[in-house]
C-alpha atoms as a PDB file:
ATOM      1  CA  MET A   1      98.408  85.348 110.388  1.00  0.00           C
ATOM      2  CA  LYS A   2      95.935  82.771 110.826  1.00  0.00           C
ATOM      3  CA  SER A   3      93.783  84.141 107.629  1.00  0.00           C
ATOM      4  CA  HIS A   4      96.878  84.150 105.855  1.00  0.00           C
ATOM      5  CA  PHE A   5      97.088  80.154 106.764  1.00  0.00           C
ATOM      6  CA  ARG A   6      94.184  79.191 106.286  1.00  0.00           C
ATOM      7  CA  LEU A   7      94.487  81.093 102.253  1.00  0.00           C
ATOM      8  CA  LEU A   8      97.572  78.966 102.114  1.00  0.00           C
ATOM      9  CA  LEU A   9      95.364  75.465 103.236  1.00  0.00           C
ATOM     10  CA  VAL A  10      92.987  76.611 101.106  1.00  0.00           C
ATOM     11  CA  LEU A  11      95.236  77.095  98.033  1.00  0.00           C
ATOM     12  CA  LEU A  12      96.819  73.869  99.017  1.00  0.00           C
ATOM     13  CA  LEU A  13      93.942  72.212  98.862  1.00  0.00           C
ATOM     14  CA  ILE A  14      92.837  73.450  95.357  1.00  0.00           C
ATOM     15  CA  ILE A  15      96.025  72.136  93.704  1.00  0.00           C
ATOM     16  CA  ALA A  16      95.934  69.047  95.106  1.00  0.00           C
ATOM     17  CA  ALA A  17      92.165  68.792  93.648  1.00  0.00           C
ATOM     18  CA  VAL A  18      93.250  69.510  90.266  1.00  0.00           C
ATOM     19  CA  VAL A  19      96.186  67.032  90.168  1.00  0.00           C
ATOM     20  CA  SER A  20      93.600  64.365  91.739  1.00  0.00           C
ATOM     21  CA  PHE A  21      91.521  65.599  88.633  1.00  0.00           C
ATOM     22  CA  TRP A  22      94.106  65.135  85.583  1.00  0.00           C
ATOM     23  CA  LEU A  23      95.463  61.717  87.603  1.00  0.00           C
ATOM     24  CA  MET A  24      91.890  60.464  87.075  1.00  0.00           C
ATOM     25  CA  ARG A  25      91.208  61.805  83.643  1.00  0.00           C
ATOM     26  CA  ALA A  26      94.475  59.734  82.588  1.00  0.00           C
ATOM     27  CA  ASP A  27      93.543  57.252  84.215  1.00  0.00           C
ATOM     28  CA  LEU A  28      89.824  56.717  82.701  1.00  0.00           C
ATOM     29  CA  ALA A  29      91.330  57.325  79.395  1.00  0.00           C
ATOM     30  CA  SER A  30      94.115  54.536  80.032  1.00  0.00           C
ATOM     31  CA  HIS A  31      91.342  52.235  80.996  1.00  0.00           C
ATOM     32  CA  GLY A  32      88.289  53.226  79.430  1.00  0.00           C
ATOM     33  CA  ASP A  33      84.507  53.016  80.509  1.00  0.00           C
ATOM     34  CA  SER A  34      85.162  49.768  82.148  1.00  0.00           C
ATOM     35  CA  ASN A  35      86.452  50.566  85.176  1.00  0.00           C
ATOM     36  CA  ALA A  36      83.534  52.986  86.145  1.00  0.00           C
ATOM     37  CA  PRO A  37      82.791  52.632  89.622  1.00  0.00           C
ATOM     38  CA  GLN A  38      79.194  50.827  89.941  1.00  0.00           C
ATOM     39  CA  THR A  39      76.388  52.640  91.406  1.00  0.00           C
ATOM     40  CA  THR A  40      74.947  50.495  94.801  1.00  0.00           C
ATOM     41  CA  GLY A  41      71.791  52.505  95.067  1.00  0.00           C
ATOM     42  CA  GLU A  42      72.958  54.522  98.462  1.00  0.00           C
ATOM     43  CA  PRO A  43      71.334  57.894  98.988  1.00  0.00           C
ATOM     44  CA  PRO A  44      73.171  60.722  96.687  1.00  0.00           C
ATOM     45  CA  ILE A  45      75.824  61.867  99.484  1.00  0.00           C
ATOM     46  CA  SER A  46      77.049  58.294 100.040  1.00  0.00           C
ATOM     47  CA  VAL A  47      77.563  57.922  96.004  1.00  0.00           C
ATOM     48  CA  ALA A  48      79.430  61.064  95.878  1.00  0.00           C
ATOM     49  CA  ARG A  49      81.936  60.514  97.995  1.00  0.00           C
ATOM     50  CA  GLU A  50      82.445  56.717  98.518  1.00  0.00           C
ATOM     51  CA  ASP A  51      81.308  54.927  95.317  1.00  0.00           C
ATOM     52  CA  VAL A  52      83.387  57.341  92.963  1.00  0.00           C
ATOM     53  CA  ALA A  53      85.676  58.912  96.066  1.00  0.00           C
ATOM     54  CA  ALA A  54      86.331  62.911  94.819  1.00  0.00           C
ATOM     55  CA  ALA A  55      85.217  62.328  91.280  1.00  0.00           C
ATOM     56  CA  PRO A  56      81.566  62.626  90.582  1.00  0.00           C
ATOM     57  CA  SER A  57      82.437  63.112  86.948  1.00  0.00           C
ATOM     58  CA  LYS A  58      83.160  59.619  86.797  1.00  0.00           C
ATOM     59  CA  LEU A  59      79.486  58.389  86.885  1.00  0.00           C
ATOM     60  CA  VAL A  60      79.417  60.491  83.532  1.00  0.00           C
ATOM     61  CA  ASN A  61      78.741  57.779  80.492  1.00  0.00           C
ATOM     62  CA  ASN A  62      77.211  54.964  82.422  1.00  0.00           C
ATOM     63  CA  ALA A  63      74.155  56.000  81.982  1.00  0.00           C
ATOM     64  CA  SER A  64      73.169  52.490  80.420  1.00  0.00           C
ATOM     65  CA  SER A  65      73.985  50.501  83.418  1.00  0.00           C
ATOM     66  CA  VAL A  66      71.895  52.512  85.774  1.00  0.00           C
ATOM     67  CA  PRO A  67      68.031  52.056  85.945  1.00  0.00           C
ATOM     68  CA  VAL A  68      66.086  55.206  85.787  1.00  0.00           C
ATOM     69  CA  PRO A  69      62.622  55.388  86.667  1.00  0.00           C
ATOM     70  CA  GLU A  70      60.054  56.162  83.235  1.00  0.00           C
ATOM     71  CA  GLN A  71      58.634  58.897  85.579  1.00  0.00           C
ATOM     72  CA  LEU A  72      60.260  62.451  86.538  1.00  0.00           C
ATOM     73  CA  PRO A  73      61.138  62.703  90.591  1.00  0.00           C
ATOM     74  CA  ALA A  74      58.092  64.382  91.807  1.00  0.00           C
ATOM     75  CA  SER A  75      59.220  68.102  92.036  1.00  0.00           C
ATOM     76  CA  LEU A  76      59.998  67.833  88.432  1.00  0.00           C
ATOM     77  CA  ALA A  77      56.363  66.239  87.569  1.00  0.00           C
ATOM     78  CA  GLY A  78      54.357  68.843  85.396  1.00  0.00           C
ATOM     79  CA  THR A  79      57.787  71.676  84.881  1.00  0.00           C
ATOM     80  CA  SER A  80      59.442  71.218  81.524  1.00  0.00           C
ATOM     81  CA  VAL A  81      63.070  70.538  81.016  1.00  0.00           C
ATOM     82  CA  PRO A  82      65.093  73.844  80.040  1.00  0.00           C
ATOM     83  CA  GLY A  83      65.727  74.933  76.568  1.00  0.00           C
ATOM     84  CA  GLY A  84      68.278  76.828  74.898  1.00  0.00           C
ATOM     85  CA  TRP A  85      71.335  75.093  75.826  1.00  0.00           C
ATOM     86  CA  ASP A  86      72.068  72.876  72.330  1.00  0.00           C
ATOM     87  CA  ARG A  87      73.671  75.729  70.197  1.00  0.00           C
ATOM     88  CA  THR A  88      76.497  74.812  68.363  1.00  0.00           C
ATOM     89  CA  ASP A  89      78.927  76.734  66.033  1.00  0.00           C
ATOM     90  CA  ARG A  90      79.441  76.323  62.434  1.00  0.00           C
ATOM     91  CA  LEU A  91      81.608  73.127  63.017  1.00  0.00           C
ATOM     92  CA  GLY A  92      79.431  71.444  65.656  1.00  0.00           C
ATOM     93  CA  ASN A  93      81.201  72.659  68.732  1.00  0.00           C
ATOM     94  CA  LEU A  94      79.210  72.858  71.766  1.00  0.00           C
ATOM     95  CA  ILE A  95      78.951  76.957  72.574  1.00  0.00           C
ATOM     96  CA  PRO A  96      78.730  77.434  76.434  1.00  0.00           C
ATOM     97  CA  THR A  97      75.248  79.248  77.854  1.00  0.00           C
ATOM     98  CA  PRO A  98      73.774  79.777  80.782  1.00  0.00           C
ATOM     99  CA  GLN A  99      70.989  77.483  79.453  1.00  0.00           C
ATOM    100  CA  LEU A 100      73.395  74.308  79.893  1.00  0.00           C
ATOM    101  CA  ARG A 101      73.916  74.962  83.500  1.00  0.00           C
ATOM    102  CA  GLN A 102      70.462  74.732  83.932  1.00  0.00           C
ATOM    103  CA  LEU A 103      69.735  72.009  82.400  1.00  0.00           C
ATOM    104  CA  PHE A 104      72.199  70.389  85.075  1.00  0.00           C
ATOM    105  CA  GLU A 105      70.098  72.210  87.700  1.00  0.00           C
ATOM    106  CA  TYR A 106      67.113  71.172  86.602  1.00  0.00           C
ATOM    107  CA  PHE A 107      67.893  67.228  87.174  1.00  0.00           C
ATOM    108  CA  LEU A 108      70.126  67.933  90.207  1.00  0.00           C
ATOM    109  CA  SER A 109      67.442  69.901  91.887  1.00  0.00           C
ATOM    110  CA  ALA A 110      66.043  66.500  92.449  1.00  0.00           C
ATOM    111  CA  LEU A 111      68.643  65.328  94.423  1.00  0.00           C
ATOM    112  CA  GLY A 112      67.472  63.143  97.299  1.00  0.00           C
ATOM    113  CA  GLU A 113      64.248  61.910  95.354  1.00  0.00           C
ATOM    114  CA  GLU A 114      66.847  59.444  93.143  1.00  0.00           C
ATOM    115  CA  SER A 115      70.287  59.046  93.325  1.00  0.00           C
ATOM    116  CA  LEU A 116      73.062  61.240  91.845  1.00  0.00           C
ATOM    117  CA  PRO A 117      74.230  58.415  89.139  1.00  0.00           C
ATOM    118  CA  GLN A 118      70.443  58.414  88.304  1.00  0.00           C
ATOM    119  CA  LEU A 119      69.906  62.163  87.906  1.00  0.00           C
ATOM    120  CA  VAL A 120      73.573  62.116  85.614  1.00  0.00           C
ATOM    121  CA  ALA A 121      72.242  59.351  83.786  1.00  0.00           C
ATOM    122  CA  ARG A 122      68.917  61.956  82.527  1.00  0.00           C
ATOM    123  CA  ILE A 123      70.648  64.315  82.153  1.00  0.00           C
ATOM    124  CA  GLN A 124      73.369  61.876  79.844  1.00  0.00           C
ATOM    125  CA  ARG A 125      70.014  61.373  78.007  1.00  0.00           C
ATOM    126  CA  ALA A 126      69.741  64.764  77.366  1.00  0.00           C
ATOM    127  CA  LEU A 127      72.253  65.641  76.319  1.00  0.00           C
ATOM    128  CA  SER A 128      72.035  62.424  73.543  1.00  0.00           C
ATOM    129  CA  VAL A 129      70.336  64.386  71.231  1.00  0.00           C
ATOM    130  CA  LEU A 130      73.121  66.539  70.245  1.00  0.00           C
ATOM    131  CA  ASP A 131      75.825  65.455  67.349  1.00  0.00           C
ATOM    132  CA  GLU A 132      79.313  64.986  67.630  1.00  0.00           C
ATOM    133  CA  PRO A 133      82.054  66.842  68.642  1.00  0.00           C
ATOM    134  CA  ALA A 134      79.089  68.599  70.778  1.00  0.00           C
ATOM    135  CA  ARG A 135      77.974  65.696  72.723  1.00  0.00           C
ATOM    136  CA  ALA A 136      81.726  64.525  73.784  1.00  0.00           C
ATOM    137  CA  GLN A 137      82.420  68.233  74.507  1.00  0.00           C
ATOM    138  CA  ALA A 138      78.893  68.771  76.557  1.00  0.00           C
ATOM    139  CA  LEU A 139      79.806  65.541  78.545  1.00  0.00           C
ATOM    140  CA  VAL A 140      82.849  66.600  79.476  1.00  0.00           C
ATOM    141  CA  THR A 141      81.858  69.712  80.790  1.00  0.00           C
ATOM    142  CA  LEU A 142      79.193  67.563  82.625  1.00  0.00           C
ATOM    143  CA  GLY A 143      81.895  66.190  84.419  1.00  0.00           C
ATOM    144  CA  ALA A 144      83.840  68.600  84.973  1.00  0.00           C
ATOM    145  CA  TYR A 145      80.649  70.507  86.372  1.00  0.00           C
ATOM    146  CA  LEU A 146      80.354  67.990  88.928  1.00  0.00           C
ATOM    147  CA  ASP A 147      83.328  67.750  90.065  1.00  0.00           C
ATOM    148  CA  TYR A 148      83.422  71.709  90.475  1.00  0.00           C
ATOM    149  CA  LYS A 149      80.348  71.401  92.630  1.00  0.00           C
ATOM    150  CA  LEU A 150      81.880  69.062  95.061  1.00  0.00           C
ATOM    151  CA  ALA A 151      84.848  70.925  94.863  1.00  0.00           C
ATOM    152  CA  VAL A 152      83.712  74.340  95.676  1.00  0.00           C
ATOM    153  CA  SER A 153      81.043  72.348  98.455  1.00  0.00           C
ATOM    154  CA  GLU A 154      83.881  70.930 100.814  1.00  0.00           C
ATOM    155  CA  LEU A 155      85.775  74.787  99.670  1.00  0.00           C
ATOM    156  CA  GLU A 156      82.307  76.484 101.298  1.00  0.00           C
ATOM    157  CA  GLN A 157      82.406  73.782 104.235  1.00  0.00           C
ATOM    158  CA  SER A 158      86.077  75.122 105.061  1.00  0.00           C
ATOM    159  CA  TYR A 159      84.711  78.818 105.485  1.00  0.00           C
ATOM    160  CA  GLY A 160      81.690  77.898 108.638  1.00  0.00           C
ATOM    161  CA  GLU A 161      79.915  80.913 109.168  1.00  0.00           C
ATOM    162  CA  VAL A 162      79.307  83.511 106.566  1.00  0.00           C
ATOM    163  CA  SER A 163      76.623  85.769 108.373  1.00  0.00           C
ATOM    164  CA  GLY A 164      78.446  88.769 109.842  1.00  0.00           C
ATOM    165  CA  LEU A 165      81.216  89.249 107.060  1.00  0.00           C
ATOM    166  CA  GLY A 166      82.785  91.761 106.349  1.00  0.00           C
ATOM    167  CA  ALA A 167      82.829  93.294 102.888  1.00  0.00           C
ATOM    168  CA  GLY A 168      87.372  92.642 102.261  1.00  0.00           C
ATOM    169  CA  GLU A 169      86.475  88.761 104.177  1.00  0.00           C
ATOM    170  CA  LEU A 170      82.903  88.189 101.253  1.00  0.00           C
ATOM    171  CA  GLN A 171      85.493  89.159  98.534  1.00  0.00           C
ATOM    172  CA  ARG A 172      88.518  86.614  99.268  1.00  0.00           C
ATOM    173  CA  ARG A 173      86.074  84.449  99.596  1.00  0.00           C
ATOM    174  CA  MET A 174      84.252  85.286  96.411  1.00  0.00           C
ATOM    175  CA  ALA A 175      87.816  85.446  94.558  1.00  0.00           C
ATOM    176  CA  GLU A 176      88.681  81.981  95.804  1.00  0.00           C
ATOM    177  CA  ILE A 177      85.710  80.890  94.742  1.00  0.00           C
ATOM    178  CA  GLN A 178      85.689  82.366  91.040  1.00  0.00           C
ATOM    179  CA  ALA A 179      89.233  80.596  90.890  1.00  0.00           C
ATOM    180  CA  LEU A 180      87.733  76.962  91.588  1.00  0.00           C
ATOM    181  CA  ARG A 181      85.622  77.617  88.863  1.00  0.00           C
ATOM    182  CA  ARG A 182      88.303  78.689  86.438  1.00  0.00           C
ATOM    183  CA  THR A 183      90.066  75.867  87.402  1.00  0.00           C
ATOM    184  CA  TRP A 184      87.827  72.927  86.691  1.00  0.00           C
ATOM    185  CA  LEU A 185      85.861  74.381  84.164  1.00  0.00           C
ATOM    186  CA  ASP A 186      87.537  76.254  80.719  1.00  0.00           C
ATOM    187  CA  ALA A 187      87.421  80.643  80.757  1.00  0.00           C
ATOM    188  CA  ASP A 188      84.635  80.207  78.271  1.00  0.00           C
ATOM    189  CA  THR A 189      82.377  77.942  80.057  1.00  0.00           C
ATOM    190  CA  ALA A 190      83.128  79.556  83.372  1.00  0.00           C
ATOM    191  CA  ASN A 191      81.958  82.790  81.911  1.00  0.00           C
ATOM    192  CA  ALA A 192      78.762  81.572  80.572  1.00  0.00           C
ATOM    193  CA  PHE A 193      77.874  79.700  83.466  1.00  0.00           C
ATOM    194  CA  PHE A 194      78.183  82.428  86.351  1.00  0.00           C
ATOM    195  CA  ALA A 195      78.367  85.781  85.115  1.00  0.00           C
ATOM    196  CA  ASP A 196      75.555  86.919  86.194  1.00  0.00           C
ATOM    197  CA  ASP A 197      76.395  84.927  89.766  1.00  0.00           C
ATOM    198  CA  GLU A 198      79.704  86.834  89.791  1.00  0.00           C
ATOM    199  CA  ALA A 199      77.910  90.436  89.204  1.00  0.00           C
ATOM    200  CA  VAL A 200      75.841  89.965  91.984  1.00  0.00           C
ATOM    201  CA  ASP A 201      78.647  88.621  94.015  1.00  0.00           C
ATOM    202  CA  ARG A 202      80.554  91.892  92.899  1.00  0.00           C
ATOM    203  CA  PHE A 203      77.540  93.990  93.804  1.00  0.00           C
ATOM    204  CA  GLN A 204      77.090  92.459  97.372  1.00  0.00           C
ATOM    205  CA  VAL A 205      80.584  93.573  97.932  1.00  0.00           C
ATOM    206  CA  GLU A 206      79.696  96.872  96.947  1.00  0.00           C
ATOM    207  CA  LYS A 207      76.611  96.845  99.308  1.00  0.00           C
ATOM    208  CA  LEU A 208      78.966  95.842 102.766  1.00  0.00           C
ATOM    209  CA  ARG A 209      80.940  98.418 101.501  1.00  0.00           C
ATOM    210  CA  ILE A 210      78.738 101.137 101.032  1.00  0.00           C
ATOM    211  CA  ALA A 211      76.891 100.458 104.545  1.00  0.00           C
ATOM    212  CA  SER A 212      79.691 100.105 106.600  1.00  0.00           C
ATOM    213  CA  ASP A 213      81.324 103.529 105.184  1.00  0.00           C
ATOM    214  CA  ASP A 214      80.136 106.156 107.706  1.00  0.00           C
ATOM    215  CA  SER A 215      81.764 109.001 106.243  1.00  0.00           C
ATOM    216  CA  LEU A 216      78.908 108.533 103.882  1.00  0.00           C
ATOM    217  CA  THR A 217      75.311 110.318 104.694  1.00  0.00           C
ATOM    218  CA  ASP A 218      72.564 108.550 104.374  1.00  0.00           C
ATOM    219  CA  ASP A 219      71.866 110.429 100.885  1.00  0.00           C
ATOM    220  CA  GLN A 220      75.100 109.191  99.755  1.00  0.00           C
ATOM    221  CA  LYS A 221      74.929 105.725 100.729  1.00  0.00           C
ATOM    222  CA  ALA A 222      71.863 105.482  98.663  1.00  0.00           C
ATOM    223  CA  GLU A 223      72.907 107.222  96.126  1.00  0.00           C
ATOM    224  CA  ALA A 224      76.107 104.728  95.787  1.00  0.00           C
ATOM    225  CA  LEU A 225      73.667 102.058  96.077  1.00  0.00           C
ATOM    226  CA  ARG A 226      72.036 103.054  92.961  1.00  0.00           C
ATOM    227  CA  GLN A 227      75.184 103.486  90.861  1.00  0.00           C
ATOM    228  CA  ALA A 228      76.683 100.110  92.345  1.00  0.00           C
ATOM    229  CA  GLU A 229      73.095  98.870  90.845  1.00  0.00           C
ATOM    230  CA  SER A 230      73.530 100.288  87.455  1.00  0.00           C
ATOM    231  CA  SER A 231      76.540  98.125  87.297  1.00  0.00           C
ATOM    232  CA  LEU A 232      74.833  94.637  86.856  1.00  0.00           C
ATOM    233  CA  PRO A 233      73.104  93.460  83.965  1.00  0.00           C
ATOM    234  CA  GLU A 234      70.130  94.335  82.549  1.00  0.00           C
ATOM    235  CA  PRO A 235      68.039  91.556  83.549  1.00  0.00           C
ATOM    236  CA  LEU A 236      69.324  91.335  87.338  1.00  0.00           C
ATOM    237  CA  ARG A 237      68.375  95.228  87.100  1.00  0.00           C
ATOM    238  CA  LYS A 238      65.277  94.440  85.747  1.00  0.00           C
ATOM    239  CA  ALA A 239      64.620  91.721  88.492  1.00  0.00           C
ATOM    240  CA  ARG A 240      65.538  94.068  91.623  1.00  0.00           C
ATOM    241  CA  GLU A 241      63.039  96.195  90.464  1.00  0.00           C
ATOM    242  CA  GLU A 242      60.290  94.073  90.077  1.00  0.00           C
ATOM    243  CA  THR A 243      60.963  92.631  93.614  1.00  0.00           C
ATOM    244  CA  ARG A 244      60.936  95.987  94.805  1.00  0.00           C
ATOM    245  CA  ARG A 245      57.377  96.860  93.394  1.00  0.00           C
ATOM    246  CA  PHE A 246      56.137  93.673  94.393  1.00  0.00           C
ATOM    247  CA  ALA A 247      57.565  94.347  97.675  1.00  0.00           C
ATOM    248  CA  ASP A 248      55.967  97.090  97.660  1.00  0.00           C
ATOM    249  CA  TYR A 249      52.538  95.550  96.522  1.00  0.00           C
ATOM    250  CA  GLU A 250      52.646  93.259  99.078  1.00  0.00           C
ATOM    251  CA  GLN A 251      52.583  96.017 102.077  1.00  0.00           C
ATOM    252  CA  VAL A 252      49.991  97.607  99.960  1.00  0.00           C
ATOM    253  CA  ARG A 253      48.077  94.267  99.502  1.00  0.00           C
ATOM    254  CA  GLN A 254      47.517  93.982 103.395  1.00  0.00           C
ATOM    255  CA  GLU A 255      47.201  97.279 104.503  1.00  0.00           C
ATOM    256  CA  LEU A 256      43.918  97.661 101.451  1.00  0.00           C
ATOM    257  CA  SER A 257      42.800  93.921 102.514  1.00  0.00           C
ATOM    258  CA  ASP A 258      39.581  96.014 103.637  1.00  0.00           C
ATOM    259  CA  ASP A 259      39.491  97.835 100.257  1.00  0.00           C
ATOM    260  CA  PRO A 260      38.966  95.791  97.053  1.00  0.00           C
ATOM    261  CA  ARG A 261      38.820  99.734  95.003  1.00  0.00           C
ATOM    262  CA  ALA A 262      41.512 100.846  96.326  1.00  0.00           C
ATOM    263  CA  LEU A 263      43.796  98.119  96.060  1.00  0.00           C
ATOM    264  CA  GLU A 264      42.613  97.453  92.451  1.00  0.00           C
ATOM    265  CA  ALA A 265      43.407 101.234  91.234  1.00  0.00           C
ATOM    266  CA  TRP A 266      46.898 101.136  93.344  1.00  0.00           C
ATOM    267  CA  ARG A 267      47.484  98.293  91.283  1.00  0.00           C
ATOM    268  CA  ARG A 268      46.978  99.843  88.030  1.00  0.00           C
ATOM    269  CA  GLU A 269      48.975 102.786  88.512  1.00  0.00           C
ATOM    270  CA  ALA A 270      51.899 101.066  89.709  1.00  0.00           C
ATOM    271  CA  PHE A 271      51.523  97.901  87.026  1.00  0.00           C
ATOM    272  CA  GLY A 272      49.731  99.609  84.211  1.00  0.00           C
ATOM    273  CA  ASP A 273      46.078  98.448  83.321  1.00  0.00           C
ATOM    274  CA  ALA A 274      47.085  95.310  81.500  1.00  0.00           C
ATOM    275  CA  ALA A 275      49.453  93.812  83.779  1.00  0.00           C
ATOM    276  CA  ALA A 276      46.966  95.009  87.076  1.00  0.00           C
ATOM    277  CA  GLU A 277      44.309  92.553  85.074  1.00  0.00           C
ATOM    278  CA  ARG A 278      46.444  90.053  84.983  1.00  0.00           C
ATOM    279  CA  LEU A 279      47.646  90.073  88.509  1.00  0.00           C
ATOM    280  CA  ALA A 280      44.055  90.365  90.079  1.00  0.00           C
ATOM    281  CA  ARG A 281      43.437  87.247  88.345  1.00  0.00           C
ATOM    282  CA  LEU A 282      46.331  85.297  89.309  1.00  0.00           C
ATOM    283  CA  GLU A 283      45.225  86.121  92.830  1.00  0.00           C
ATOM    284  CA  ALA A 284      41.659  85.165  92.115  1.00  0.00           C
ATOM    285  CA  GLU A 285      43.116  81.780  90.807  1.00  0.00           C
ATOM    286  CA  GLN A 286      45.550  81.429  93.681  1.00  0.00           C
ATOM    287  CA  GLN A 287      43.041  82.168  96.543  1.00  0.00           C
ATOM    288  CA  ASP A 288      40.427  79.142  94.682  1.00  0.00           C
ATOM    289  CA  TRP A 289      43.126  77.077  94.769  1.00  0.00           C
ATOM    290  CA  ASP A 290      44.233  77.402  98.369  1.00  0.00           C
ATOM    291  CA  ARG A 291      40.859  77.390  99.385  1.00  0.00           C
ATOM    292  CA  ARG A 292      40.404  74.148  97.519  1.00  0.00           C
ATOM    293  CA  TRP A 293      43.865  72.558  98.499  1.00  0.00           C
ATOM    294  CA  GLN A 294      42.304  73.684 102.475  1.00  0.00           C
ATOM    295  CA  ALA A 295      39.750  71.477 101.368  1.00  0.00           C
ATOM    296  CA  TYR A 296      41.227  68.524  99.768  1.00  0.00           C
ATOM    297  CA  ALA A 297      43.856  68.685 102.725  1.00  0.00           C
ATOM    298  CA  GLY A 298      41.363  68.349 105.621  1.00  0.00           C
ATOM    299  CA  GLU A 299      39.831  65.191 103.614  1.00  0.00           C
ATOM    300  CA  ARG A 300      42.894  63.854 102.742  1.00  0.00           C
ATOM    301  CA  ASP A 301      44.604  63.562 106.241  1.00  0.00           C
ATOM    302  CA  ARG A 302      41.079  61.793 108.295  1.00  0.00           C
ATOM    303  CA  LEU A 303      41.430  58.939 105.000  1.00  0.00           C
ATOM    304  CA  LEU A 304      44.829  58.648 105.452  1.00  0.00           C
ATOM    305  CA  SER A 305      43.739  57.934 109.128  1.00  0.00           C
ATOM    306  CA  SER A 306      41.106  55.671 108.459  1.00  0.00           C
ATOM    307  CA  GLY A 307      42.758  53.122 108.632  1.00  0.00           C
ATOM    308  CA  LEU A 308      42.596  51.732 104.726  1.00  0.00           C
ATOM    309  CA  ALA A 309      44.682  48.741 103.371  1.00  0.00           C
ATOM    310  CA  GLU A 310      47.303  50.370 101.021  1.00  0.00           C
ATOM    311  CA  PRO A 311      45.597  49.431  97.424  1.00  0.00           C
ATOM    312  CA  GLU A 312      41.979  51.238  98.963  1.00  0.00           C
ATOM    313  CA  ARG A 313      43.411  54.068 100.474  1.00  0.00           C
ATOM    314  CA  ARG A 314      45.855  54.779  97.057  1.00  0.00           C
ATOM    315  CA  GLU A 315      42.417  54.453  95.434  1.00  0.00           C
ATOM    316  CA  ALA A 316      40.638  56.669  97.514  1.00  0.00           C
ATOM    317  CA  LEU A 317      43.381  59.263  97.416  1.00  0.00           C
ATOM    318  CA  GLU A 318      43.461  59.648  93.629  1.00  0.00           C
ATOM    319  CA  ARG A 319      39.209  59.537  93.959  1.00  0.00           C
ATOM    320  CA  LEU A 320      39.620  62.364  96.648  1.00  0.00           C
ATOM    321  CA  ARG A 321      42.013  64.183  94.166  1.00  0.00           C
ATOM    322  CA  ALA A 322      40.240  64.300  90.923  1.00  0.00           C
ATOM    323  CA  SER A 323      36.883  65.818  92.787  1.00  0.00           C
ATOM    324  CA  HIS A 324      38.779  68.293  93.788  1.00  0.00           C
ATOM    325  CA  PHE A 325      41.276  69.066  90.881  1.00  0.00           C
ATOM    326  CA  ASN A 326      41.565  68.924  87.608  1.00  0.00           C
ATOM    327  CA  GLU A 327      44.399  66.352  85.420  1.00  0.00           C
ATOM    328  CA  THR A 328      47.119  69.010  85.678  1.00  0.00           C
ATOM    329  CA  GLU A 329      45.942  70.256  89.124  1.00  0.00           C
ATOM    330  CA  ARG A 330      46.479  67.126  90.043  1.00  0.00           C
ATOM    331  CA  ILE A 331      49.824  66.724  89.021  1.00  0.00           C
ATOM    332  CA  ARG A 332      50.688  69.202  91.535  1.00  0.00           C
ATOM    333  CA  ALA A 333      48.340  67.923  94.834  1.00  0.00           C
ATOM    334  CA  ARG A 334      50.749  64.955  94.235  1.00  0.00           C
ATOM    335  CA  ALA A 335      54.080  66.388  93.800  1.00  0.00           C
ATOM    336  CA  LEU A 336      52.835  68.378  97.202  1.00  0.00           C
ATOM    337  CA  ASP A 337      51.181  65.366  98.777  1.00  0.00           C
ATOM    338  CA  SER A 338      54.763  63.779  98.743  1.00  0.00           C
ATOM    339  CA  ILE A 339      56.511  66.275 100.387  1.00  0.00           C
ATOM    340  CA  ARG A 340      53.745  66.861 103.402  1.00  0.00           C
END
């Protein structure tokens, strides 16, 4: 009975959210952007819950009033903005793609370093390269996606503990989240944004079912798991295969850490000559970085505790970075220093 009551409560919350969403849109349509809330510079969660209540989409179309730093947040420094999201059909309509969601998440991943209004303004500027009607459609999609993010966060908080769930309960929760996606987003956009996620969700449910089926032998479970994995989209199947191969390699690397020649032979056997050479080169570069970073970090900590005034300390820190890293590496070093 408790489970039925909770399901009813969640459904009522979703219905209430949808009604609020459409009332909010009607209000915006009748009053225009002049009624959009002003940002206050509060932390991101405060902005989402207080300034725009339950509708972060109200931040969209308000970019001109939000000051945005010229430099990207530290966690995005040295990275590239995802591409391939600006697809349109022959009539100029936006084609929803996984890359469009990646664009949104690229900027939203810096939430906390910058406020939500600032990050929304960055996304809106990125979308400004589109022509109409695709640009307006992309902004609508952004607003709906922001509202979905808040709604799904609140739904997941109502679930409480996730570990230890059975296959049936996990499937029920996933079905509720999938329904929520298609409440806030149109079907084409929801499918484009979440098809891979939902394929993985189905696989995880089936994996739980197989593991808990006491009527199957270990060999039968292994075969059933291979069959379930075969239903994943090909890129996801390949990714899982690569993950397993590299997990095996990490174990072998530890076992053969004192025998470089045997490790090299294993690499070539597992990955092929070309890939093995690239892997060895990447490992050497990472080891070199680790060595230089450790040396730099020790000198940096001594410098920061030296008592220098801020201007002198900042200049000394830049000189220290330059002595250990090239220009590209210094961007990475600054980003790591910002989160130390």
